[in-house]
């Protein structure tokens, strides 16, 4: 499955951490280092498997943990209307 950023989201990166602003609601969301790494990978070209592989290449973590964490992260972004299915 592929996802893309919603048009109503602004993104800034500061010192390995990211901040997302939902322009429709005015709510800010802070991303840790891993979330900041993942955010640009969420586009119409990368599917979840691609993102899992990129995270595993960058960080020392098991495939099982990466898959679980990315699933939770994607679900949160979807529920906050920061991303949508492509």
C-alpha atoms as a PDB file:
ATOM      1  CA  UNK A   1       0.000   0.000   0.000  1.00  0.00           C
ATOM      2  CA  UNK A   2       1.162   3.511  -0.807  1.00  0.00           C
ATOM      3  CA  UNK A   3       0.422   6.796   0.913  1.00  0.00           C
ATOM      4  CA  UNK A   4       0.945  10.482   0.246  1.00  0.00           C
ATOM      5  CA  UNK A   5       1.022  13.678   2.279  1.00  0.00           C
ATOM      6  CA  UNK A   6      -2.219  15.599   2.556  1.00  0.00           C
ATOM      7  CA  UNK A   7      -2.189  18.990   0.865  1.00  0.00           C
ATOM      8  CA  UNK A   8      -3.124  20.742   4.108  1.00  0.00           C
ATOM      9  CA  UNK A   9       0.119  19.780   5.901  1.00  0.00           C
ATOM     10  CA  UNK A  10       3.206  21.945   6.301  1.00  0.00           C
ATOM     11  CA  UNK A  11       6.506  20.325   7.328  1.00  0.00           C
ATOM     12  CA  UNK A  12       9.727  21.690   8.808  1.00  0.00           C
ATOM     13  CA  UNK A  13      12.849  19.928  10.044  1.00  0.00           C
ATOM     14  CA  UNK A  14      14.993  21.203  12.921  1.00  0.00           C
ATOM     15  CA  UNK A  15      18.048  19.348  14.300  1.00  0.00           C
ATOM     16  CA  UNK A  16      16.955  15.810  13.288  1.00  0.00           C
ATOM     17  CA  UNK A  17      13.405  16.374  14.480  1.00  0.00           C
ATOM     18  CA  UNK A  18      10.403  17.330  12.394  1.00  0.00           C
ATOM     19  CA  UNK A  19       7.288  19.331  12.980  1.00  0.00           C
ATOM     20  CA  UNK A  20       4.072  18.846  11.033  1.00  0.00           C
ATOM     21  CA  UNK A  21       1.325  21.448  11.001  1.00  0.00           C
ATOM     22  CA  UNK A  22      -2.165  20.474   9.940  1.00  0.00           C
ATOM     23  CA  UNK A  23      -3.260  23.746   8.377  1.00  0.00           C
ATOM     24  CA  UNK A  24      -6.934  22.738   8.562  1.00  0.00           C
ATOM     25  CA  UNK A  25      -6.959  22.135  12.319  1.00  0.00           C
ATOM     26  CA  UNK A  26      -4.006  24.247  13.449  1.00  0.00           C
ATOM     27  CA  UNK A  27      -2.538  21.291  15.348  1.00  0.00           C
ATOM     28  CA  UNK A  28       1.217  20.697  15.437  1.00  0.00           C
ATOM     29  CA  UNK A  29       2.785  17.244  15.567  1.00  0.00           C
ATOM     30  CA  UNK A  30       6.373  16.658  16.633  1.00  0.00           C
ATOM     31  CA  UNK A  31       8.315  13.839  14.979  1.00  0.00           C
ATOM     32  CA  UNK A  32      11.296  12.131  16.557  1.00  0.00           C
ATOM     33  CA  UNK A  33      14.396  11.240  14.548  1.00  0.00           C
ATOM     34  CA  UNK A  34      12.867   8.100  13.053  1.00  0.00           C
ATOM     35  CA  UNK A  35       9.567   9.812  12.204  1.00  0.00           C
ATOM     36  CA  UNK A  36      11.531  12.632  10.597  1.00  0.00           C
ATOM     37  CA  UNK A  37      13.427  10.058   8.521  1.00  0.00           C
ATOM     38  CA  UNK A  38      10.180   8.347   7.474  1.00  0.00           C
ATOM     39  CA  UNK A  39       8.146  11.454   6.591  1.00  0.00           C
ATOM     40  CA  UNK A  40       9.862  12.177   3.225  1.00  0.00           C
ATOM     41  CA  UNK A  41       9.615   8.477   2.331  1.00  0.00           C
ATOM     42  CA  UNK A  42       5.827   8.681   2.475  1.00  0.00           C
ATOM     43  CA  UNK A  43       5.029   9.470  -1.117  1.00  0.00           C
ATOM     44  CA  UNK A  44       3.242   7.879  -4.014  1.00  0.00           C
ATOM     45  CA  UNK A  45       6.392   6.000  -5.072  1.00  0.00           C
ATOM     46  CA  UNK A  46       7.295   4.096  -1.865  1.00  0.00           C
ATOM     47  CA  UNK A  47       5.095   1.359  -0.461  1.00  0.00           C
ATOM     48  CA  UNK A  48       5.242   0.199   3.161  1.00  0.00           C
ATOM     49  CA  UNK A  49       7.805  -2.507   2.330  1.00  0.00           C
ATOM     50  CA  UNK A  50      10.116   0.095   0.793  1.00  0.00           C
ATOM     51  CA  UNK A  51       9.828   2.260   3.901  1.00  0.00           C
ATOM     52  CA  UNK A  52      10.515  -0.696   6.214  1.00  0.00           C
ATOM     53  CA  UNK A  53      13.653  -1.550   4.223  1.00  0.00           C
ATOM     54  CA  UNK A  54      14.913   2.051   4.309  1.00  0.00           C
ATOM     55  CA  UNK A  55      14.409   2.279   8.071  1.00  0.00           C
ATOM     56  CA  UNK A  56      16.174  -1.051   8.619  1.00  0.00           C
ATOM     57  CA  UNK A  57      19.115   0.183   6.518  1.00  0.00           C
ATOM     58  CA  UNK A  58      19.361   3.400   8.536  1.00  0.00           C
ATOM     59  CA  UNK A  59      18.663   2.205  12.099  1.00  0.00           C
ATOM     60  CA  UNK A  60      19.712  -0.869  14.065  1.00  0.00           C
ATOM     61  CA  UNK A  61      16.334  -2.481  14.709  1.00  0.00           C
ATOM     62  CA  UNK A  62      14.632  -5.775  13.874  1.00  0.00           C
ATOM     63  CA  UNK A  63      12.240  -6.159  10.940  1.00  0.00           C
ATOM     64  CA  UNK A  64       9.433  -7.145  13.305  1.00  0.00           C
ATOM     65  CA  UNK A  65       9.899  -4.005  15.394  1.00  0.00           C
ATOM     66  CA  UNK A  66      10.177  -1.747  12.338  1.00  0.00           C
ATOM     67  CA  UNK A  67       7.006  -3.171  10.794  1.00  0.00           C
ATOM     68  CA  UNK A  68       5.071  -2.756  14.028  1.00  0.00           C
ATOM     69  CA  UNK A  69       6.327   0.778  14.668  1.00  0.00           C
ATOM     70  CA  UNK A  70       5.705   1.930  11.085  1.00  0.00           C
ATOM     71  CA  UNK A  71       2.210   0.449  11.132  1.00  0.00           C
ATOM     72  CA  UNK A  72       1.420   2.406  14.326  1.00  0.00           C
ATOM     73  CA  UNK A  73       3.003   5.578  12.922  1.00  0.00           C
ATOM     74  CA  UNK A  74       1.049   5.338   9.645  1.00  0.00           C
ATOM     75  CA  UNK A  75      -2.207   4.714  11.521  1.00  0.00           C
ATOM     76  CA  UNK A  76      -1.609   7.807  13.658  1.00  0.00           C
ATOM     77  CA  UNK A  77      -0.811   9.965  10.619  1.00  0.00           C
ATOM     78  CA  UNK A  78      -3.961   8.713   8.884  1.00  0.00           C
ATOM     79  CA  UNK A  79      -6.159   9.371  11.923  1.00  0.00           C
ATOM     80  CA  UNK A  80      -4.785  12.910  12.216  1.00  0.00           C
ATOM     81  CA  UNK A  81      -5.414  13.484   8.469  1.00  0.00           C
ATOM     82  CA  UNK A  82      -1.744  14.165   7.773  1.00  0.00           C
ATOM     83  CA  UNK A  83      -1.489  11.483   5.086  1.00  0.00           C
ATOM     84  CA  UNK A  84      -3.899   9.641   2.832  1.00  0.00           C
ATOM     85  CA  UNK A  85      -3.896   6.512   0.734  1.00  0.00           C
ATOM     86  CA  UNK A  86      -2.402   7.124  -2.693  1.00  0.00           C
END
